[in-house]
Protein backbone atom coordinates (compact mmCIF):
# COMPACT_ATOMS: atom_id res chain seq x y z
CA MET A 1 133.39 105.35 123.36
CA GLU A 2 132.45 108.62 125.18
CA ARG A 3 128.74 109.10 125.89
CA ILE A 4 127.32 111.24 123.04
CA ARG A 5 125.85 113.88 125.30
CA ASN A 6 129.33 114.45 126.73
CA THR A 7 130.76 115.57 123.34
CA GLU A 8 131.66 119.23 122.81
CA ALA A 9 129.58 119.31 119.61
CA TRP A 10 126.38 117.87 121.35
CA GLY A 11 126.23 121.00 123.77
CA LYS A 12 126.73 123.34 120.88
CA LEU A 13 124.08 121.65 118.89
CA GLU A 14 121.61 121.99 121.73
CA SER A 15 122.19 125.73 121.96
CA LEU A 16 121.95 126.16 118.13
CA ALA A 17 118.64 124.17 118.11
CA ALA A 18 117.01 126.48 120.66
CA ASN A 19 117.93 129.42 118.44
CA VAL A 20 116.89 127.86 115.11
CA LYS A 21 113.50 126.87 116.44
CA ARG A 22 112.72 130.62 116.74
CA GLN A 23 113.54 131.20 113.04
CA HIS A 24 111.75 130.45 109.84
CA MET A 25 113.23 129.06 106.55
CA ARG A 26 111.07 131.51 104.63
CA ASP A 27 113.07 134.44 105.97
CA TRP A 28 116.46 132.65 105.27
CA PHE A 29 115.51 132.32 101.62
CA GLU A 30 114.38 135.99 101.33
CA THR A 31 117.70 137.19 102.90
CA ASP A 32 120.00 134.73 101.18
CA PRO A 33 119.45 134.24 97.42
CA SER A 34 122.36 131.87 97.25
CA ARG A 35 120.85 129.41 99.83
CA ALA A 36 119.86 126.88 97.19
CA GLU A 37 123.20 127.00 95.57
CA LYS A 38 125.02 126.68 99.02
CA TYR A 39 123.15 123.69 100.18
CA PHE A 40 123.44 121.56 97.16
CA LEU A 41 125.36 118.39 96.28
CA ALA A 42 125.90 116.03 93.32
CA ALA A 43 127.48 112.72 93.12
CA CYS A 44 127.11 109.35 91.17
CA GLY A 45 124.33 110.62 89.12
CA ILE A 46 122.18 111.96 92.05
CA SER A 47 121.79 115.68 92.95
CA LEU A 48 120.72 116.78 96.43
CA ASP A 49 119.04 120.09 97.26
CA TYR A 50 119.08 120.21 101.02
CA SER A 51 118.43 124.00 101.26
CA LYS A 52 114.90 123.38 102.53
CA ASN A 53 116.23 122.25 105.90
CA LEU A 54 116.26 123.84 109.39
CA ILE A 55 120.05 124.44 109.24
CA THR A 56 122.54 127.25 109.15
CA ASP A 57 126.26 127.31 108.53
CA ASP A 58 126.89 126.97 112.19
CA VAL A 59 124.60 124.01 112.55
CA LEU A 60 126.27 122.16 109.55
CA SER A 61 129.68 122.88 111.05
CA GLN A 62 128.86 121.43 114.51
CA LEU A 63 127.04 118.41 112.83
CA ILE A 64 130.34 117.74 111.06
CA ALA A 65 132.21 118.16 114.28
CA LEU A 66 129.84 115.60 115.98
CA ALA A 67 130.49 113.09 113.22
CA GLU A 68 134.26 113.56 113.48
CA GLN A 69 134.14 113.26 117.23
CA ARG A 70 132.20 109.99 116.88
CA GLY A 71 134.73 108.49 114.49
CA VAL A 72 132.62 108.30 111.38
CA ASN A 73 135.55 108.19 108.99
CA ASP A 74 137.19 105.41 111.06
CA LYS A 75 134.07 103.41 111.00
CA ILE A 76 133.71 103.71 107.19
CA THR A 77 137.39 102.74 106.85
CA ALA A 78 136.92 99.77 109.19
CA MET A 79 133.91 98.36 107.23
CA PHE A 80 135.61 98.50 103.87
CA LYS A 81 138.77 97.01 105.32
CA GLY A 82 136.78 93.91 106.60
CA ASP A 83 137.22 94.67 110.29
CA ILE A 84 134.79 92.89 112.60
CA ILE A 85 132.35 95.74 113.09
CA ASN A 86 129.42 93.59 113.78
CA THR A 87 130.68 92.84 117.27
CA THR A 88 127.85 90.87 118.79
CA GLU A 89 128.14 88.21 115.98
CA LYS A 90 131.88 88.66 115.56
CA ARG A 91 131.59 89.19 111.78
CA ALA A 92 132.93 91.52 109.18
CA VAL A 93 130.38 93.60 107.28
CA LEU A 94 131.38 93.23 103.61
CA HIS A 95 128.32 93.80 101.25
CA THR A 96 130.58 96.40 99.70
CA ALA A 97 133.02 93.73 98.59
CA LEU A 98 130.12 92.25 96.53
CA ARG A 99 130.44 95.33 94.21
CA ASN A 100 134.16 95.93 94.61
CA PHE A 101 135.50 96.50 91.06
CA SER A 102 138.73 98.21 92.17
CA GLY A 103 140.86 95.08 91.59
CA LYS A 104 142.09 95.36 95.11
CA PRO A 105 141.82 92.56 97.56
CA VAL A 106 139.39 92.55 100.61
CA MET A 107 140.76 90.45 103.45
CA VAL A 108 138.73 88.52 105.98
CA ASP A 109 140.61 86.45 108.58
CA GLY A 110 143.71 86.72 106.45
CA GLU A 111 142.01 85.52 103.16
CA ASP A 112 141.10 87.58 100.11
CA VAL A 113 137.35 87.12 99.58
CA MET A 114 137.38 88.76 96.11
CA PRO A 115 138.09 85.50 94.09
CA GLU A 116 134.98 83.93 95.61
CA VAL A 117 132.95 87.12 94.93
CA MET A 118 133.97 87.18 91.28
CA ALA A 119 133.39 83.51 90.83
CA THR A 120 129.86 83.87 92.17
CA LEU A 121 129.15 86.67 89.76
CA ASP A 122 130.38 84.59 87.01
CA LYS A 123 128.05 81.80 88.06
CA VAL A 124 125.10 84.22 88.13
CA GLU A 125 125.94 85.42 84.78
CA ALA A 126 126.28 81.99 83.29
CA PHE A 127 123.11 80.76 84.72
CA THR A 128 121.16 83.85 83.77
CA ASN A 129 122.33 83.46 80.13
CA LYS A 130 121.31 79.79 80.08
CA VAL A 131 117.89 80.55 81.33
CA LEU A 132 117.23 83.58 79.10
CA SER A 133 118.66 81.97 76.04
CA GLY A 134 116.44 78.92 76.43
CA GLU A 135 119.37 76.56 77.03
CA HIS A 136 118.17 75.51 80.48
CA LEU A 137 115.27 73.24 79.84
CA GLY A 138 112.62 71.97 82.16
CA CYS A 139 111.63 68.20 82.61
CA THR A 140 109.61 68.11 79.40
CA GLY A 141 112.23 69.93 77.26
CA LYS A 142 110.58 73.30 77.38
CA PRO A 143 112.53 76.53 78.23
CA VAL A 144 111.74 78.60 81.36
CA LYS A 145 109.10 81.35 80.93
CA ARG A 146 108.28 81.96 84.66
CA VAL A 147 110.64 82.39 87.68
CA VAL A 148 109.08 82.18 91.21
CA SER A 149 111.52 83.69 93.76
CA ILE A 150 110.94 82.53 97.24
CA GLY A 151 112.54 84.48 100.20
CA ILE A 152 111.79 86.59 103.14
CA GLY A 153 113.22 89.91 104.57
CA GLY A 154 116.24 91.17 102.57
CA SER A 155 116.32 88.14 100.39
CA PHE A 156 112.85 89.06 99.06
CA LEU A 157 112.55 92.70 99.47
CA GLY A 158 115.68 93.82 97.68
CA PRO A 159 115.26 91.77 94.52
CA LYS A 160 111.47 92.54 94.40
CA ILE A 161 111.81 96.28 94.75
CA VAL A 162 114.80 96.62 92.36
CA SER A 163 112.96 94.50 89.66
CA GLU A 164 109.92 96.79 90.06
CA ALA A 165 111.95 99.95 90.09
CA LEU A 166 113.75 98.98 86.91
CA LYS A 167 110.64 97.68 84.89
CA PRO A 168 111.45 99.68 81.86
CA TYR A 169 114.76 97.69 81.69
CA ARG A 170 113.24 94.24 81.98
CA ASP A 171 114.57 91.59 79.69
CA GLY A 172 111.17 90.27 78.96
CA ARG A 173 112.09 86.68 78.16
CA VAL A 174 110.93 85.40 81.55
CA ASP A 175 108.35 86.75 84.05
CA VAL A 176 109.73 86.97 87.60
CA THR A 177 107.25 86.74 90.58
CA PHE A 178 108.13 87.10 94.29
CA VAL A 179 106.65 85.16 97.35
CA ALA A 180 107.62 85.90 100.87
CA ASN A 181 104.65 85.76 103.18
CA VAL A 182 103.92 82.41 104.82
CA ASP A 183 100.32 83.05 104.40
CA GLY A 184 99.26 80.21 102.10
CA CYS A 185 97.01 82.53 100.03
CA HIS A 186 100.03 84.06 98.33
CA ILE A 187 101.88 80.94 97.28
CA GLN A 188 98.61 79.29 96.18
CA ASP A 189 97.66 82.31 94.05
CA VAL A 190 101.10 82.28 92.40
CA LEU A 191 101.17 78.49 91.69
CA ALA A 192 97.59 78.79 90.27
CA ASP A 193 99.07 80.80 87.36
CA CYS A 194 102.11 78.58 86.80
CA ASP A 195 102.80 76.02 84.14
CA PHE A 196 104.97 73.45 85.70
CA GLU A 197 106.74 72.62 82.47
CA GLU A 198 108.09 76.30 82.13
CA THR A 199 108.49 77.36 85.83
CA LEU A 200 111.73 77.73 87.73
CA PHE A 201 111.77 78.20 91.40
CA VAL A 202 114.54 80.19 93.21
CA MET A 203 114.73 79.62 97.01
CA SER A 204 116.67 82.15 98.87
CA SER A 205 117.70 81.29 102.47
CA LYS A 206 121.29 81.43 103.74
CA SER A 207 120.60 78.45 106.11
CA PHE A 208 118.03 76.71 103.89
CA GLY A 209 115.91 76.68 107.10
CA THR A 210 114.19 80.02 107.28
CA GLN A 211 110.73 79.02 108.39
CA GLU A 212 108.57 81.07 105.91
CA THR A 213 110.82 80.41 102.93
CA LEU A 214 111.22 76.73 103.68
CA GLN A 215 107.51 76.14 104.00
CA ASN A 216 106.68 78.07 100.84
CA THR A 217 109.25 76.10 98.99
CA LEU A 218 108.03 72.80 100.34
CA THR A 219 104.54 73.78 99.12
CA ALA A 220 105.87 74.65 95.78
CA LYS A 221 107.70 71.12 95.66
CA ALA A 222 104.43 69.43 96.62
CA TRP A 223 102.62 71.20 93.99
CA PHE A 224 105.35 70.41 91.34
CA LEU A 225 105.38 66.74 92.18
CA ALA A 226 101.64 66.41 91.81
CA GLN A 227 101.78 67.74 88.19
CA LYS A 228 101.57 65.84 85.03
CA SER A 229 101.12 66.32 81.23
CA SER A 230 99.83 64.07 78.46
CA THR A 231 103.34 62.73 78.16
CA HIS A 232 105.10 63.21 81.50
CA SER A 233 104.48 62.65 85.11
CA VAL A 234 106.64 64.55 87.50
CA SER A 235 109.16 62.67 89.68
CA GLU A 236 111.81 63.60 92.25
CA ALA A 237 114.40 63.51 89.43
CA ASP A 238 112.77 66.49 87.76
CA ILE A 239 113.34 68.66 90.86
CA ALA A 240 116.79 69.53 89.85
CA LYS A 241 115.57 71.16 86.68
CA HIS A 242 113.02 73.32 88.22
CA PHE A 243 114.43 74.30 91.65
CA VAL A 244 117.71 76.32 92.49
CA ALA A 245 118.91 77.81 95.69
CA VAL A 246 120.84 80.76 97.05
CA SER A 247 122.18 79.26 100.30
CA SER A 248 125.19 78.39 102.26
CA ASN A 249 123.77 74.90 103.09
CA VAL A 250 124.58 73.01 100.04
CA LYS A 251 123.88 69.69 101.74
CA ALA A 252 120.18 70.71 102.62
CA ALA A 253 119.65 71.89 99.10
CA THR A 254 120.89 68.66 97.44
CA GLU A 255 118.88 66.66 99.92
CA PHE A 256 115.88 68.62 98.81
CA GLY A 257 116.61 67.57 95.26
CA MET A 258 118.47 70.43 93.75
CA ALA A 259 121.66 70.07 91.75
CA ALA A 260 124.83 71.18 93.65
CA GLU A 261 125.91 73.24 90.75
CA ASN A 262 122.76 75.25 90.95
CA VAL A 263 123.19 76.20 94.64
CA PHE A 264 124.68 79.82 94.77
CA PRO A 265 126.78 80.49 97.73
CA MET A 266 126.28 83.21 100.41
CA ALA A 267 129.05 84.34 102.88
CA ASP A 268 128.19 84.93 106.56
CA TRP A 269 129.53 88.48 106.24
CA VAL A 270 126.53 89.46 104.17
CA GLY A 271 123.53 90.43 106.16
CA GLY A 272 120.04 89.84 104.66
CA ARG A 273 119.10 93.50 104.35
CA TYR A 274 122.45 94.15 102.52
CA SER A 275 122.32 91.07 100.24
CA LEU A 276 120.76 92.04 97.00
CA TRP A 277 124.40 92.60 95.73
CA SER A 278 125.10 88.93 96.29
CA ALA A 279 123.67 85.83 94.57
CA ILE A 280 120.49 86.85 96.28
CA GLY A 281 120.26 89.16 93.29
CA LEU A 282 119.84 86.08 90.97
CA PRO A 283 116.12 87.00 90.42
CA ILE A 284 117.08 90.57 89.51
CA SER A 285 119.54 89.24 86.91
CA LEU A 286 116.93 86.85 85.49
CA ALA A 287 114.46 89.76 85.34
CA LEU A 288 116.63 92.39 83.93
CA GLY A 289 119.49 90.48 82.19
CA TYR A 290 122.87 90.18 83.78
CA ASP A 291 124.26 93.37 82.19
CA ASN A 292 121.70 95.51 83.92
CA PHE A 293 122.34 93.66 87.18
CA ARG A 294 126.07 94.32 86.83
CA ALA A 295 125.16 98.06 86.10
CA ILE A 296 123.34 98.13 89.49
CA LEU A 297 126.55 96.93 91.19
CA ASP A 298 128.54 99.48 89.26
CA GLY A 299 126.35 102.27 90.63
CA ALA A 300 126.81 101.10 94.13
CA TYR A 301 130.54 100.77 93.72
CA ALA A 302 130.64 104.55 92.57
CA MET A 303 128.73 105.46 95.72
CA ASP A 304 131.31 103.26 97.78
CA GLU A 305 134.08 105.21 96.28
CA HIS A 306 132.38 108.50 96.96
CA VAL A 307 131.55 107.87 100.63
CA GLN A 308 135.12 106.87 101.27
CA THR A 309 136.91 109.81 99.44
CA ALA A 310 134.51 112.93 99.80
CA PRO A 311 134.89 115.17 102.84
CA LEU A 312 131.93 114.98 105.18
CA ALA A 313 130.78 118.45 104.00
CA GLU A 314 130.59 117.22 100.42
CA ASN A 315 129.50 113.58 101.08
CA LEU A 316 125.91 112.75 100.09
CA PRO A 317 125.32 109.91 102.57
CA ALA A 318 127.02 111.85 105.38
CA ILE A 319 125.00 115.02 104.89
CA LEU A 320 121.71 112.92 104.79
CA ALA A 321 122.87 111.11 107.95
CA MET A 322 123.82 114.25 109.78
CA LEU A 323 120.53 115.89 108.98
CA GLY A 324 118.70 112.94 110.25
CA VAL A 325 120.60 113.05 113.54
CA TRP A 326 119.84 116.86 113.79
CA TYR A 327 116.09 116.12 113.50
CA ARG A 328 115.99 113.04 115.63
CA ASN A 329 118.10 114.32 118.56
CA PHE A 330 117.77 118.09 118.55
CA MET A 331 114.46 119.11 116.74
CA GLY A 332 111.96 116.48 118.09
CA ALA A 333 111.36 114.35 115.02
CA GLN A 334 110.33 110.78 115.58
CA SER A 335 109.97 109.70 111.97
CA HIS A 336 111.29 110.23 108.45
CA VAL A 337 109.23 110.01 105.29
CA LEU A 338 110.35 108.89 101.90
CA LEU A 339 108.35 110.33 98.83
CA PRO A 340 109.38 108.87 95.48
CA TYR A 341 107.62 110.84 92.66
CA TYR A 342 107.98 107.89 90.24
CA HIS A 343 105.53 105.00 90.14
CA TYR A 344 108.16 102.24 89.74
CA LEU A 345 110.08 103.49 92.72
CA ARG A 346 107.02 103.13 94.97
CA GLY A 347 108.57 100.16 96.85
CA LEU A 348 111.80 102.06 98.00
CA PRO A 349 110.24 103.40 101.28
CA ALA A 350 109.57 99.75 102.36
CA TYR A 351 113.10 98.89 101.43
CA VAL A 352 114.65 101.73 103.31
CA GLN A 353 112.37 100.97 106.20
CA GLN A 354 113.82 97.65 106.74
CA LEU A 355 117.32 98.69 106.09
CA ASP A 356 117.15 101.62 108.58
CA MET A 357 114.94 100.30 111.33
CA GLU A 358 116.32 96.94 111.44
CA SER A 359 119.93 98.47 111.56
CA ASN A 360 119.44 101.40 113.95
CA GLY A 361 116.36 100.43 115.89
CA LYS A 362 118.63 99.84 118.94
CA SER A 363 118.63 100.91 122.51
CA THR A 364 122.21 99.67 123.50
CA THR A 365 125.57 101.08 122.54
CA LEU A 366 128.59 99.07 121.24
CA GLY A 367 129.93 99.04 124.86
CA GLY A 368 126.74 97.51 126.21
CA GLN A 369 125.35 100.60 127.76
CA ALA A 370 121.85 102.02 127.40
CA VAL A 371 121.82 104.75 124.79
CA ASP A 372 121.45 108.24 126.18
CA CYS A 373 119.64 109.76 123.01
CA GLY A 374 116.99 108.88 120.43
CA THR A 375 118.27 106.54 117.71
CA GLY A 376 116.67 105.17 114.55
CA PRO A 377 113.49 106.96 113.51
CA ILE A 378 110.38 105.38 112.05
CA ILE A 379 110.71 105.18 108.27
CA TRP A 380 107.58 105.26 106.22
CA GLY A 381 106.29 106.71 102.97
CA SER A 382 104.60 106.08 99.62
CA GLU A 383 104.69 107.36 96.02
CA GLY A 384 103.76 110.86 95.02
CA THR A 385 101.24 112.24 93.97
CA ASN A 386 99.07 109.75 95.94
CA GLY A 387 100.25 110.67 99.29
CA GLN A 388 99.29 114.33 98.79
CA HIS A 389 95.64 113.30 98.97
CA SER A 390 96.09 111.35 102.28
CA PHE A 391 99.07 111.60 104.69
CA HIS A 392 100.67 114.87 103.51
CA GLN A 393 97.93 116.69 105.55
CA LEU A 394 99.84 115.27 108.66
CA ILE A 395 103.11 116.55 107.38
CA HIS A 396 101.85 120.01 106.59
CA GLN A 397 100.00 120.67 109.87
CA SER A 398 101.22 118.29 112.55
CA THR A 399 102.98 119.74 115.49
CA LEU A 400 105.84 117.33 115.11
CA PRO A 401 108.44 117.84 112.49
CA ILE A 402 108.63 115.17 109.79
CA PRO A 403 111.65 115.38 107.68
CA ALA A 404 111.03 114.23 104.13
CA ASP A 405 113.01 112.90 101.17
CA PHE A 406 111.53 113.81 97.86
CA MET A 407 112.77 111.75 94.83
CA LEU A 408 112.26 112.46 91.10
CA PRO A 409 113.81 111.25 87.95
CA LEU A 410 114.09 114.30 85.45
CA ASN A 411 113.36 112.02 82.53
CA VAL A 412 111.28 108.79 82.22
CA PRO A 413 111.53 106.47 79.29
CA ASN A 414 108.35 106.48 77.06
CA GLN A 415 106.58 109.02 79.32
CA ASP A 416 104.68 111.86 77.70
CA ASP A 417 105.66 115.38 78.76
CA THR A 418 102.26 116.45 80.24
CA HIS A 419 102.22 113.59 82.76
CA HIS A 420 105.73 114.16 83.89
CA ALA A 421 105.60 117.91 84.05
CA MET A 422 102.55 117.54 86.31
CA LEU A 423 104.37 115.12 88.44
CA ALA A 424 107.48 117.28 88.71
CA SER A 425 105.25 120.42 89.42
CA ASN A 426 103.61 118.59 92.41
CA CYS A 427 106.87 117.42 93.73
CA PHE A 428 108.54 120.82 93.72
CA GLY A 429 105.15 122.46 94.72
CA GLN A 430 105.00 120.22 97.94
CA THR A 431 108.58 121.11 99.10
CA GLN A 432 107.89 124.66 98.58
CA ALA A 433 104.61 124.50 100.53
CA LEU A 434 106.27 122.70 103.33
CA MET A 435 109.04 125.23 103.57
CA GLN A 436 107.06 128.45 103.34
CA GLY A 437 103.60 127.47 104.58
CA LYS A 438 100.81 130.01 104.48
CA THR A 439 100.39 132.64 107.31
CA PHE A 440 97.12 133.35 109.18
CA GLU A 441 97.20 136.89 107.51
CA GLU A 442 97.48 135.48 103.98
CA CYS A 443 94.62 132.98 104.71
CA TYR A 444 92.56 135.81 106.19
CA ALA A 445 93.02 137.99 103.13
CA ASP A 446 92.08 135.13 100.78
CA LEU A 447 88.67 134.94 102.48
CA ASP A 448 87.97 138.55 101.59
CA GLY A 449 84.57 138.88 99.67
CA LYS A 450 83.43 135.32 100.49
CA GLY A 451 80.45 136.50 102.28
CA LEU A 452 81.72 135.48 105.69
CA SER A 453 81.49 137.43 108.91
CA ASP A 454 84.61 138.56 110.51
CA GLU A 455 84.28 135.95 113.24
CA GLU A 456 83.88 133.23 110.52
CA ARG A 457 86.87 134.60 108.56
CA VAL A 458 89.00 134.51 111.71
CA SER A 459 88.00 130.88 112.52
CA LEU A 460 88.38 129.58 109.03
CA ALA A 461 91.68 131.39 108.44
CA ALA A 462 92.96 129.69 111.62
CA HIS A 463 92.17 126.20 110.14
CA LYS A 464 93.73 127.00 106.67
CA THR A 465 96.93 128.39 108.31
CA MET A 466 100.03 126.29 107.32
CA PRO A 467 103.02 126.87 109.71
CA GLY A 468 105.59 125.95 107.10
CA ASN A 469 109.16 125.52 108.23
CA LYS A 470 108.87 121.75 107.36
CA PRO A 471 112.20 120.28 106.32
CA SER A 472 112.78 118.29 103.21
CA ASN A 473 115.49 117.00 100.85
CA THR A 474 115.00 116.88 97.19
CA LEU A 475 116.91 114.06 95.39
CA LEU A 476 116.92 114.29 91.60
CA PHE A 477 118.53 112.05 89.01
CA GLU A 478 118.61 112.26 85.26
CA GLN A 479 116.98 109.01 84.82
CA LEU A 480 116.41 106.07 87.13
CA ASP A 481 118.59 103.59 85.20
CA PRO A 482 120.27 100.50 86.78
CA LYS A 483 123.42 102.31 87.70
CA THR A 484 121.67 105.23 89.44
CA LEU A 485 119.44 102.90 91.21
CA GLY A 486 122.48 101.03 92.59
CA ALA A 487 123.96 104.39 93.79
CA LEU A 488 120.75 105.40 95.43
CA ILE A 489 120.36 102.34 97.44
CA ALA A 490 124.03 102.29 98.49
CA MET A 491 123.65 105.96 99.53
CA TYR A 492 120.97 104.97 102.02
CA GLU A 493 123.03 102.06 103.19
CA HIS A 494 125.86 104.44 104.08
CA LYS A 495 123.54 106.93 105.60
CA VAL A 496 122.53 104.15 108.02
CA LEU A 497 126.18 103.17 108.75
CA ILE A 498 127.07 106.81 109.44
CA GLN A 499 124.10 107.38 111.78
CA GLY A 500 124.91 104.18 113.59
CA ALA A 501 128.48 105.28 114.11
CA ILE A 502 127.27 108.64 115.55
CA TRP A 503 124.90 106.87 117.86
CA ASP A 504 127.46 104.21 118.86
CA LEU A 505 125.30 101.34 117.73
CA ASN A 506 125.92 97.95 116.07
CA SER A 507 123.94 98.59 112.84
CA PHE A 508 124.42 95.02 111.60
CA ASP A 509 122.77 92.66 114.19
CA GLN A 510 118.99 92.10 114.62
CA TRP A 511 118.41 90.34 117.85
CA GLY A 512 114.77 91.63 118.01
CA VAL A 513 114.10 89.85 114.71
CA GLU A 514 115.83 86.71 116.03
CA LEU A 515 113.70 86.72 119.15
CA GLY A 516 110.49 86.88 117.16
CA LYS A 517 111.53 83.97 115.00
CA ALA A 518 112.46 81.67 117.86
CA LEU A 519 109.30 82.41 119.66
CA GLY A 520 107.22 81.87 116.55
CA ASN A 521 108.83 78.47 116.26
CA ASP A 522 108.00 77.70 119.91
CA VAL A 523 104.44 78.64 119.42
CA LEU A 524 104.22 76.47 116.32
CA ASP A 525 105.46 73.49 118.34
CA VAL A 526 102.57 74.26 120.85
CA ILE A 527 100.12 74.48 118.03
CA LYS A 528 101.29 71.05 116.81
CA ASP A 529 101.14 69.55 120.24
CA LEU A 530 104.90 69.04 120.31
CA LYS A 531 104.98 71.30 123.42
CA PRO A 532 102.55 71.70 126.25
CA LEU A 533 100.09 74.54 126.28
CA ASP A 534 101.50 75.84 129.68
CA SER A 535 104.97 76.43 128.15
CA VAL A 536 103.69 79.72 126.93
CA ASP A 537 102.12 82.67 128.73
CA SER A 538 98.39 82.58 129.54
CA SER A 539 97.44 85.14 126.86
CA THR A 540 99.32 83.23 124.13
CA ALA A 541 97.87 79.89 125.48
CA SER A 542 94.35 81.28 125.12
CA LEU A 543 94.93 82.40 121.52
CA VAL A 544 96.48 79.03 120.62
CA GLU A 545 93.40 77.30 121.98
CA LYS A 546 90.97 79.53 120.12
CA PHE A 547 93.05 78.85 116.86
CA LYS A 548 93.12 75.06 117.47
CA ASN A 549 89.43 74.88 118.12
CA ALA A 550 88.62 76.89 114.92
CA GLN A 551 90.92 74.52 113.07
CA LYS A 552 88.84 71.42 114.24
């Protein structure tokens, strides 16, 4: 592919950026009463006000031209067709097939994968119903009351955050807890609250060999085998009633003691950070009930249809992606902040952080060349209004632009009007303050009559001045129900795909993650004396020695 800086649109965007930096959004709103209406989109239950961005019609036109010149529509089509777009691992990228309810086949290597997808969904539904109805019994004949989901990365983060975000929709018949960190404190704390007779463990690892997940599952197994009641001592035969797996490695799962019929498959064309739509979502189904899990998939499918059919100028993920490219490559932004004004959605920034940074945190193009522009930004954020009393200070007065996505449900189940009105007013007030700021003259006038000398007024007014002109998007939804959440997550998935296409990246491998895993295993072998100390660098060797001495 042509180098991005050689494209016609890139040069035009550079010229436009120089001009835009000399302008202020406050003036644009004053001269164009229709600006908010012009820069507004709605699809799949999500509304986007992107009028508070440093863009003009010319900027938007050239961003669309850049996306077209970089083959964005072709990349979207290729992904949904099942083409091998993960070129370094020679795999299709088909998380979208997991929520494909069109009735149309999806071909991989000449085979339609949809029968397997639908069979897995049927299996998740059947098992969910068995557990929630009390039909699935533990080793002493008691139904399941507690589910402990063990995973790491995408197999942990997606199910956990979705289950948290949809707390008002939980089924309530079982309590679902998530464990990821290999730090033994976490699994031990969870096990301390478990009754072995009523606990089901769901182990999620495609290979059944992920270091952290396997160790936590082995710890849970050891704890389980040590349990007994007045009438029953646990044996290996009981494992099959209390442990299930989401994995491609059926052999390893059955050798562990799980029943083959309770191993839920994962295809190699599903990446971990895109996997909540697969059997990895089993804990979501157990927490919310299968119908709500299916509604999440329905929402994502609706966004899949939208991204494929809407023109770029009317395409929610495309607009967000192009705005991100504008700030990252032309306006000097290094990070992007997500600000959900809804307590249950507080985990979304961490989810998008993994999705975006693991996908587009790359420095090599698909052709193997070093990139010639900035790529994935740092993604961070927290819930509103808490952030207003801490890091919002940086957003308001930092010299770097920090684009922000504000998110707010217009209605919240069982929420009183006063609380929600205050939440909404803070959300809207923050976007207004970021856009318009407060001039030195306004701050100076406010200090009139405060008993300050003119010198003190000038000095304090300088500190209180807010430059404004800080960009933000506002995403609204009627209510954060399962279908809307599915659409919201899929929207960010497609935003990542489109930005990766513009930057000419493979958004679906993660070699940096793989190196860290490999070296972690090597160091563990050194700690266990399976490899010599001099097989690692001197700094790591010194740290290992200190650790081993402390262990003694």
